[in-house]
Amino acid sequence: MRTEWWESYFSDLFLDVLRQAKTEEQTGAEADFIQKVLRLTPRTKILDVPCGNGRLSLELASRGYQVTGVDITLPLLDDARRKAAKQQLEVVWEHRDMRDLPWQEEFDDAFCFWGSFGYFDEIGNRGFLKAVAHALKPGARFLLDTHIAETLLPRFQKRDWQRVGDILMLQERCYDHLHSRVDAEMTLVKSGRITKRASSVRIYTYRQLCQLLGEVGFAICEGYGSLNRESFKFGSQRLYLVAEKKGV
């Protein structure tokens, strides 16, 4: 039976990277942005998918929102549950594939953050967006944070490295233009331990992504290039795309 890359990617030393990669200030700034562009109101029911270790779910729950976090990686969900218990926050944690969202018109808003889109093939990526649309009420907003061709390719680097806390992280990338995917190998080094991880992410253009969202039931509202809500343009650092589920 074939094992997909994301099934084992989020483990071992990479768990430590995720735990150290974002500061409390960065998480707070991202939550502020989510509040503003999704136009959250008190007691809003929000879907965070995938939620990882729950850092944004927990921050939004601390602000009074009803949050459900979905992720397929149990160690990340275990982290999220421990933090929620420690902070005495109520969050619903669901262990499931991000394409497997069983709700129908349950949530007021949803978001997918930190480059968690594009893992699958064409059918799978479309299936994820369709599942999100199905789970949202008509008129609900969906915020997608991702790289696209217009953000990634102008500054594409085949090789780079950075230090995250006490971990050295080396990344080597190749852009597969036939399939519009970035294939990468990451090497993590900590105190003599070495871990390698391979990934493959589909890179859409702005137009392709908007078209895909439209096909599954969304209308496109706004595209931002930063957390400062600057309008998206070619060469922006990232794309923060807000789409609204079409009414009945």
C-alpha atoms as a PDB file:
ATOM      1  CA  MET A   1       0.000   0.000   0.000  1.00  0.00           C
ATOM      2  CA  ARG A   2       1.392   3.382  -1.044  1.00  0.00           C
ATOM      3  CA  THR A   3       2.286   5.822   1.733  1.00  0.00           C
ATOM      4  CA  GLU A   4       1.886   9.522   0.926  1.00  0.00           C
ATOM      5  CA  TRP A   5       4.620  11.946   1.989  1.00  0.00           C
ATOM      6  CA  TRP A   6       2.464  13.936   4.418  1.00  0.00           C
ATOM      7  CA  GLU A   7       1.577  10.836   6.447  1.00  0.00           C
ATOM      8  CA  SER A   8       5.064  10.688   8.015  1.00  0.00           C
ATOM      9  CA  TYR A   9       6.414  14.178   7.314  1.00  0.00           C
ATOM     10  CA  PHE A  10       5.204  15.792  10.550  1.00  0.00           C
ATOM     11  CA  SER A  11       7.194  13.723  13.017  1.00  0.00           C
ATOM     12  CA  ASP A  12      10.530  13.438  14.824  1.00  0.00           C
ATOM     13  CA  LEU A  13      12.673  16.590  14.579  1.00  0.00           C
ATOM     14  CA  PHE A  14      10.154  18.391  12.407  1.00  0.00           C
ATOM     15  CA  LEU A  15       7.741  18.407  15.333  1.00  0.00           C
ATOM     16  CA  ASP A  16      10.356  20.401  17.236  1.00  0.00           C
ATOM     17  CA  VAL A  17      10.622  22.825  14.296  1.00  0.00           C
ATOM     18  CA  LEU A  18       6.868  23.419  14.332  1.00  0.00           C
ATOM     19  CA  ARG A  19       6.882  23.997  18.074  1.00  0.00           C
ATOM     20  CA  GLN A  20       9.571  26.691  17.787  1.00  0.00           C
ATOM     21  CA  ALA A  21       8.925  28.272  14.395  1.00  0.00           C
ATOM     22  CA  LYS A  22       6.297  30.869  15.388  1.00  0.00           C
ATOM     23  CA  THR A  23       6.478  33.246  18.333  1.00  0.00           C
ATOM     24  CA  GLU A  24       3.484  34.236  20.436  1.00  0.00           C
ATOM     25  CA  GLU A  25       3.641  37.672  18.807  1.00  0.00           C
ATOM     26  CA  GLN A  26       3.496  36.146  15.308  1.00  0.00           C
ATOM     27  CA  THR A  27       0.571  33.948  16.282  1.00  0.00           C
ATOM     28  CA  GLY A  28      -1.218  36.964  17.740  1.00  0.00           C
ATOM     29  CA  ALA A  29      -0.647  38.980  14.548  1.00  0.00           C
ATOM     30  CA  GLU A  30      -2.000  36.148  12.402  1.00  0.00           C
ATOM     31  CA  ALA A  31      -5.067  35.817  14.638  1.00  0.00           C
ATOM     32  CA  ASP A  32      -5.642  39.588  14.374  1.00  0.00           C
ATOM     33  CA  PHE A  33      -5.528  39.285  10.583  1.00  0.00           C
ATOM     34  CA  ILE A  34      -7.938  36.339  10.593  1.00  0.00           C
ATOM     35  CA  GLN A  35     -10.365  38.276  12.781  1.00  0.00           C
ATOM     36  CA  LYS A  36     -10.338  41.272  10.460  1.00  0.00           C
ATOM     37  CA  VAL A  37     -10.584  39.639   7.048  1.00  0.00           C
ATOM     38  CA  LEU A  38     -13.120  37.009   8.095  1.00  0.00           C
ATOM     39  CA  ARG A  39     -15.084  39.733   9.916  1.00  0.00           C
ATOM     40  CA  LEU A  40     -15.525  37.525  12.954  1.00  0.00           C
ATOM     41  CA  THR A  41     -18.309  38.336  15.392  1.00  0.00           C
ATOM     42  CA  PRO A  42     -18.729  37.073  18.998  1.00  0.00           C
ATOM     43  CA  ARG A  43     -19.284  33.306  19.323  1.00  0.00           C
ATOM     44  CA  THR A  44     -18.520  32.692  15.652  1.00  0.00           C
ATOM     45  CA  LYS A  45     -18.066  28.976  14.825  1.00  0.00           C
ATOM     46  CA  ILE A  46     -14.729  28.596  13.050  1.00  0.00           C
ATOM     47  CA  LEU A  47     -13.103  25.659  11.272  1.00  0.00           C
ATOM     48  CA  ASP A  48      -9.274  25.516  11.357  1.00  0.00           C
ATOM     49  CA  VAL A  49      -8.159  22.930   8.789  1.00  0.00           C
ATOM     50  CA  PRO A  50      -5.557  21.584   9.067  1.00  0.00           C
ATOM     51  CA  CYS A  51      -4.871  22.924  12.544  1.00  0.00           C
ATOM     52  CA  GLY A  52      -1.445  21.405  13.258  1.00  0.00           C
ATOM     53  CA  ASN A  53      -0.552  21.818  16.917  1.00  0.00           C
ATOM     54  CA  GLY A  54      -3.474  24.164  17.397  1.00  0.00           C
ATOM     55  CA  ARG A  55      -1.640  27.436  17.916  1.00  0.00           C
ATOM     56  CA  LEU A  56      -4.204  29.533  15.978  1.00  0.00           C
ATOM     57  CA  SER A  57      -7.175  27.495  17.192  1.00  0.00           C
ATOM     58  CA  LEU A  58      -6.113  28.140  20.776  1.00  0.00           C
ATOM     59  CA  GLU A  59      -5.463  31.837  20.227  1.00  0.00           C
ATOM     60  CA  LEU A  60      -8.894  32.325  18.652  1.00  0.00           C
ATOM     61  CA  ALA A  61     -10.579  30.232  21.345  1.00  0.00           C
ATOM     62  CA  SER A  62      -8.964  32.498  23.954  1.00  0.00           C
ATOM     63  CA  ARG A  63     -10.737  35.404  22.236  1.00  0.00           C
ATOM     64  CA  GLY A  64     -14.138  33.808  22.682  1.00  0.00           C
ATOM     65  CA  TYR A  65     -14.709  32.027  19.371  1.00  0.00           C
ATOM     66  CA  GLN A  66     -16.021  28.473  19.006  1.00  0.00           C
ATOM     67  CA  VAL A  67     -13.242  26.628  17.208  1.00  0.00           C
ATOM     68  CA  THR A  68     -12.976  23.159  15.667  1.00  0.00           C
ATOM     69  CA  GLY A  69      -9.479  22.036  14.649  1.00  0.00           C
ATOM     70  CA  VAL A  70      -8.915  19.201  12.181  1.00  0.00           C
ATOM     71  CA  ASP A  71      -5.617  17.425  11.550  1.00  0.00           C
ATOM     72  CA  ILE A  72      -4.416  13.997  10.456  1.00  0.00           C
ATOM     73  CA  THR A  73      -1.226  13.983  12.571  1.00  0.00           C
ATOM     74  CA  LEU A  74      -1.853  12.600  16.051  1.00  0.00           C
ATOM     75  CA  PRO A  75       1.309  13.977  17.723  1.00  0.00           C
ATOM     76  CA  LEU A  76       0.278  17.482  16.654  1.00  0.00           C
ATOM     77  CA  LEU A  77      -3.242  16.973  17.995  1.00  0.00           C
ATOM     78  CA  ASP A  78      -1.793  15.612  21.238  1.00  0.00           C
ATOM     79  CA  ASP A  79       0.198  18.847  21.579  1.00  0.00           C
ATOM     80  CA  ALA A  80      -2.961  20.853  20.915  1.00  0.00           C
ATOM     81  CA  ARG A  81      -4.982  18.939  23.496  1.00  0.00           C
ATOM     82  CA  ARG A  82      -2.303  19.388  26.163  1.00  0.00           C
ATOM     83  CA  LYS A  83      -2.117  23.119  25.556  1.00  0.00           C
ATOM     84  CA  ALA A  84      -5.908  23.463  25.584  1.00  0.00           C
ATOM     85  CA  ALA A  85      -6.116  21.646  28.919  1.00  0.00           C
ATOM     86  CA  LYS A  86      -3.317  23.750  30.394  1.00  0.00           C
ATOM     87  CA  GLN A  87      -4.974  26.990  29.251  1.00  0.00           C
ATOM     88  CA  GLN A  88      -8.474  25.721  30.143  1.00  0.00           C
ATOM     89  CA  LEU A  89      -9.763  26.433  26.651  1.00  0.00           C
ATOM     90  CA  GLU A  90     -12.635  24.660  24.924  1.00  0.00           C
ATOM     91  CA  VAL A  91     -11.702  23.518  21.413  1.00  0.00           C
ATOM     92  CA  VAL A  92     -13.109  20.583  19.459  1.00  0.00           C
ATOM     93  CA  TRP A  93     -10.226  18.519  18.056  1.00  0.00           C
ATOM     94  CA  GLU A  94     -10.934  16.134  15.170  1.00  0.00           C
ATOM     95  CA  HIS A  95      -8.460  13.516  13.975  1.00  0.00           C
ATOM     96  CA  ARG A  96      -9.183  13.152  10.271  1.00  0.00           C
ATOM     97  CA  ASP A  97      -7.925  13.822   6.765  1.00  0.00           C
ATOM     98  CA  MET A  98      -8.487  17.443   5.707  1.00  0.00           C
ATOM     99  CA  ARG A  99     -10.498  16.195   2.723  1.00  0.00           C
ATOM    100  CA  ASP A 100     -12.806  14.294   5.090  1.00  0.00           C
ATOM    101  CA  LEU A 101     -15.030  16.980   6.627  1.00  0.00           C
ATOM    102  CA  PRO A 102     -18.390  15.440   7.564  1.00  0.00           C
ATOM    103  CA  TRP A 103     -20.243  18.663   8.387  1.00  0.00           C
ATOM    104  CA  GLN A 104     -22.906  20.326   6.254  1.00  0.00           C
ATOM    105  CA  GLU A 105     -23.371  24.109   6.597  1.00  0.00           C
ATOM    106  CA  GLU A 106     -22.052  23.932  10.160  1.00  0.00           C
ATOM    107  CA  PHE A 107     -19.474  26.724  10.316  1.00  0.00           C
ATOM    108  CA  ASP A 108     -19.629  30.508  10.005  1.00  0.00           C
ATOM    109  CA  ASP A 109     -16.053  30.784   8.709  1.00  0.00           C
ATOM    110  CA  ALA A 110     -12.962  28.675   8.012  1.00  0.00           C
ATOM    111  CA  PHE A 111      -9.251  29.104   7.392  1.00  0.00           C
ATOM    112  CA  CYS A 112      -6.300  27.071   6.106  1.00  0.00           C
ATOM    113  CA  PHE A 113      -3.017  28.597   7.248  1.00  0.00           C
ATOM    114  CA  TRP A 114       0.751  28.207   7.012  1.00  0.00           C
ATOM    115  CA  GLY A 115       1.141  26.680   3.558  1.00  0.00           C
ATOM    116  CA  SER A 116      -1.046  23.622   4.146  1.00  0.00           C
ATOM    117  CA  PHE A 117      -2.663  23.625   0.693  1.00  0.00           C
ATOM    118  CA  GLY A 118      -1.535  21.766  -2.428  1.00  0.00           C
ATOM    119  CA  TYR A 119      -0.347  18.509  -0.858  1.00  0.00           C
ATOM    120  CA  PHE A 120      -2.556  16.293  -3.019  1.00  0.00           C
ATOM    121  CA  ASP A 121      -3.125  15.580  -6.693  1.00  0.00           C
ATOM    122  CA  GLU A 122      -5.661  17.611  -8.671  1.00  0.00           C
ATOM    123  CA  ILE A 123      -8.607  15.533  -7.471  1.00  0.00           C
ATOM    124  CA  GLY A 124      -7.454  15.709  -3.855  1.00  0.00           C
ATOM    125  CA  ASN A 125      -6.868  19.470  -3.792  1.00  0.00           C
ATOM    126  CA  ARG A 126     -10.248  20.075  -5.352  1.00  0.00           C
ATOM    127  CA  GLY A 127     -11.777  17.591  -2.909  1.00  0.00           C
ATOM    128  CA  PHE A 128     -10.403  19.555   0.045  1.00  0.00           C
ATOM    129  CA  LEU A 129     -11.850  22.859  -1.163  1.00  0.00           C
ATOM    130  CA  LYS A 130     -15.172  21.188  -1.924  1.00  0.00           C
ATOM    131  CA  ALA A 131     -15.268  19.668   1.575  1.00  0.00           C
ATOM    132  CA  VAL A 132     -14.644  23.105   3.115  1.00  0.00           C
ATOM    133  CA  ALA A 133     -17.436  24.627   1.023  1.00  0.00           C
ATOM    134  CA  HIS A 134     -19.781  21.853   2.122  1.00  0.00           C
ATOM    135  CA  ALA A 135     -18.981  22.495   5.789  1.00  0.00           C
ATOM    136  CA  LEU A 136     -19.642  26.253   5.569  1.00  0.00           C
ATOM    137  CA  LYS A 137     -22.927  28.118   5.758  1.00  0.00           C
ATOM    138  CA  PRO A 138     -23.955  30.169   2.686  1.00  0.00           C
ATOM    139  CA  GLY A 139     -22.215  33.536   2.826  1.00  0.00           C
ATOM    140  CA  ALA A 140     -19.443  32.195   5.087  1.00  0.00           C
ATOM    141  CA  ARG A 141     -15.862  33.219   4.394  1.00  0.00           C
ATOM    142  CA  PHE A 142     -12.810  31.026   3.819  1.00  0.00           C
ATOM    143  CA  LEU A 143      -9.254  32.314   4.214  1.00  0.00           C
ATOM    144  CA  LEU A 144      -6.492  30.436   2.398  1.00  0.00           C
ATOM    145  CA  ASP A 145      -2.837  31.254   3.168  1.00  0.00           C
ATOM    146  CA  THR A 146      -0.562  29.768   0.520  1.00  0.00           C
ATOM    147  CA  HIS A 147       2.238  30.196  -1.951  1.00  0.00           C
ATOM    148  CA  ILE A 148       1.327  30.434  -5.613  1.00  0.00           C
ATOM    149  CA  ALA A 149       3.447  30.774  -8.754  1.00  0.00           C
ATOM    150  CA  GLU A 150       3.401  34.575  -8.503  1.00  0.00           C
ATOM    151  CA  THR A 151       4.819  34.530  -4.949  1.00  0.00           C
ATOM    152  CA  LEU A 152       7.223  31.612  -5.143  1.00  0.00           C
ATOM    153  CA  LEU A 153       8.856  31.638  -8.563  1.00  0.00           C
ATOM    154  CA  PRO A 154      10.193  35.251  -8.604  1.00  0.00           C
ATOM    155  CA  ARG A 155      12.401  34.433  -5.597  1.00  0.00           C
ATOM    156  CA  PHE A 156      12.755  30.689  -6.055  1.00  0.00           C
ATOM    157  CA  GLN A 157      15.823  29.219  -4.371  1.00  0.00           C
ATOM    158  CA  LYS A 158      17.048  25.738  -5.131  1.00  0.00           C
ATOM    159  CA  ARG A 159      18.873  25.535  -1.820  1.00  0.00           C
ATOM    160  CA  ASP A 160      18.825  27.420   1.463  1.00  0.00           C
ATOM    161  CA  TRP A 161      19.217  26.889   5.167  1.00  0.00           C
ATOM    162  CA  GLN A 162      17.995  28.427   8.403  1.00  0.00           C
ATOM    163  CA  ARG A 163      18.180  27.817  12.121  1.00  0.00           C
ATOM    164  CA  VAL A 164      14.978  27.273  14.086  1.00  0.00           C
ATOM    165  CA  GLY A 165      15.817  27.294  17.776  1.00  0.00           C
ATOM    166  CA  ASP A 166      18.437  24.576  18.254  1.00  0.00           C
ATOM    167  CA  ILE A 167      17.727  22.884  14.911  1.00  0.00           C
ATOM    168  CA  LEU A 168      19.575  23.501  11.640  1.00  0.00           C
ATOM    169  CA  MET A 169      17.268  23.119   8.640  1.00  0.00           C
ATOM    170  CA  LEU A 170      18.575  22.691   5.075  1.00  0.00           C
ATOM    171  CA  GLN A 171      16.138  22.636   2.145  1.00  0.00           C
ATOM    172  CA  GLU A 172      16.799  21.610  -1.452  1.00  0.00           C
ATOM    173  CA  ARG A 173      14.049  22.261  -3.987  1.00  0.00           C
ATOM    174  CA  CYS A 174      13.227  21.494  -7.590  1.00  0.00           C
ATOM    175  CA  TYR A 175      10.386  23.059  -9.569  1.00  0.00           C
ATOM    176  CA  ASP A 176       8.656  20.463 -11.747  1.00  0.00           C
ATOM    177  CA  HIS A 177       7.189  22.624 -14.524  1.00  0.00           C
ATOM    178  CA  LEU A 178       5.383  19.698 -16.164  1.00  0.00           C
ATOM    179  CA  HIS A 179       3.213  19.113 -13.096  1.00  0.00           C
ATOM    180  CA  SER A 180       3.498  22.574 -11.491  1.00  0.00           C
ATOM    181  CA  ARG A 181       4.867  21.146  -8.254  1.00  0.00           C
ATOM    182  CA  VAL A 182       7.765  21.977  -5.964  1.00  0.00           C
ATOM    183  CA  ASP A 183       9.537  18.804  -4.903  1.00  0.00           C
ATOM    184  CA  ALA A 184      11.766  19.327  -1.889  1.00  0.00           C
ATOM    185  CA  GLU A 185      14.031  17.464   0.491  1.00  0.00           C
ATOM    186  CA  MET A 186      14.574  18.843   3.963  1.00  0.00           C
ATOM    187  CA  THR A 187      17.471  17.839   6.201  1.00  0.00           C
ATOM    188  CA  LEU A 188      17.193  18.568   9.924  1.00  0.00           C
ATOM    189  CA  VAL A 189      20.195  18.460  12.254  1.00  0.00           C
ATOM    190  CA  LYS A 190      20.112  18.645  16.053  1.00  0.00           C
ATOM    191  CA  SER A 191      22.916  17.566  18.412  1.00  0.00           C
ATOM    192  CA  GLY A 192      24.260  15.060  15.903  1.00  0.00           C
ATOM    193  CA  ARG A 193      20.831  13.669  14.984  1.00  0.00           C
ATOM    194  CA  ILE A 194      19.889  13.921  11.327  1.00  0.00           C
ATOM    195  CA  THR A 195      16.380  13.585   9.908  1.00  0.00           C
ATOM    196  CA  LYS A 196      15.403  13.826   6.245  1.00  0.00           C
ATOM    197  CA  ARG A 197      11.955  14.587   4.865  1.00  0.00           C
ATOM    198  CA  ALA A 198      10.670  14.769   1.270  1.00  0.00           C
ATOM    199  CA  SER A 199       7.617  16.732   0.137  1.00  0.00           C
ATOM    200  CA  SER A 200       5.764  17.650  -3.045  1.00  0.00           C
ATOM    201  CA  VAL A 201       3.368  20.600  -3.256  1.00  0.00           C
ATOM    202  CA  ARG A 202       1.187  21.703  -6.170  1.00  0.00           C
ATOM    203  CA  ILE A 203       1.752  25.358  -7.093  1.00  0.00           C
ATOM    204  CA  TYR A 204      -1.219  27.100  -8.705  1.00  0.00           C
ATOM    205  CA  THR A 205      -1.382  30.502 -10.351  1.00  0.00           C
ATOM    206  CA  TYR A 206      -3.740  33.119  -8.925  1.00  0.00           C
ATOM    207  CA  ARG A 207      -6.146  32.578 -11.802  1.00  0.00           C
ATOM    208  CA  GLN A 208      -6.099  28.781 -11.471  1.00  0.00           C
ATOM    209  CA  LEU A 209      -6.784  28.947  -7.746  1.00  0.00           C
ATOM    210  CA  CYS A 210      -9.651  31.402  -8.161  1.00  0.00           C
ATOM    211  CA  GLN A 211     -11.126  29.207 -10.883  1.00  0.00           C
ATOM    212  CA  LEU A 212     -10.858  26.111  -8.685  1.00  0.00           C
ATOM    213  CA  LEU A 213     -12.566  27.852  -5.765  1.00  0.00           C
ATOM    214  CA  GLY A 214     -15.315  29.060  -8.078  1.00  0.00           C
ATOM    215  CA  GLU A 215     -15.933  25.546  -9.361  1.00  0.00           C
ATOM    216  CA  VAL A 216     -16.617  24.187  -5.853  1.00  0.00           C
ATOM    217  CA  GLY A 217     -18.985  26.941  -4.747  1.00  0.00           C
ATOM    218  CA  PHE A 218     -16.988  30.033  -3.761  1.00  0.00           C
ATOM    219  CA  ALA A 219     -16.926  33.585  -5.036  1.00  0.00           C
ATOM    220  CA  ILE A 220     -13.596  35.378  -4.755  1.00  0.00           C
ATOM    221  CA  CYS A 221     -13.568  38.426  -2.525  1.00  0.00           C
ATOM    222  CA  GLU A 222     -10.053  39.715  -1.885  1.00  0.00           C
ATOM    223  CA  GLY A 223      -6.424  38.781  -2.257  1.00  0.00           C
ATOM    224  CA  TYR A 224      -3.864  40.165   0.202  1.00  0.00           C
ATOM    225  CA  GLY A 225      -0.083  40.052  -0.016  1.00  0.00           C
ATOM    226  CA  SER A 226       0.719  40.432   3.678  1.00  0.00           C
ATOM    227  CA  LEU A 227      -0.771  40.517   7.159  1.00  0.00           C
ATOM    228  CA  ASN A 228      -0.915  44.312   6.781  1.00  0.00           C
ATOM    229  CA  ARG A 229      -3.753  43.746   4.298  1.00  0.00           C
ATOM    230  CA  GLU A 230      -1.854  45.136   1.346  1.00  0.00           C
ATOM    231  CA  SER A 231      -3.496  44.226  -1.943  1.00  0.00           C
ATOM    232  CA  PHE A 232      -1.935  41.186  -3.585  1.00  0.00           C
ATOM    233  CA  LYS A 233       0.440  41.814  -6.471  1.00  0.00           C
ATOM    234  CA  PHE A 234       3.005  39.878  -8.453  1.00  0.00           C
ATOM    235  CA  GLY A 235       5.989  39.235  -6.209  1.00  0.00           C
ATOM    236  CA  SER A 236       4.093  39.498  -2.902  1.00  0.00           C
ATOM    237  CA  GLN A 237       5.593  37.382  -0.121  1.00  0.00           C
ATOM    238  CA  ARG A 238       2.467  35.189   0.146  1.00  0.00           C
ATOM    239  CA  LEU A 239      -1.135  35.037  -0.943  1.00  0.00           C
ATOM    240  CA  TYR A 240      -3.896  35.402   1.624  1.00  0.00           C
ATOM    241  CA  LEU A 241      -7.012  34.735  -0.422  1.00  0.00           C
ATOM    242  CA  VAL A 242     -10.489  35.345   1.017  1.00  0.00           C
ATOM    243  CA  ALA A 243     -13.377  33.578  -0.702  1.00  0.00           C
ATOM    244  CA  GLU A 244     -17.062  33.649   0.196  1.00  0.00           C
ATOM    245  CA  LYS A 245     -19.386  30.682  -0.149  1.00  0.00           C
ATOM    246  CA  LYS A 246     -22.116  31.431  -2.649  1.00  0.00           C
ATOM    247  CA  GLY A 247     -25.675  31.681  -1.372  1.00  0.00           C
ATOM    248  CA  VAL A 248     -28.404  29.196  -2.240  1.00  0.00           C
END
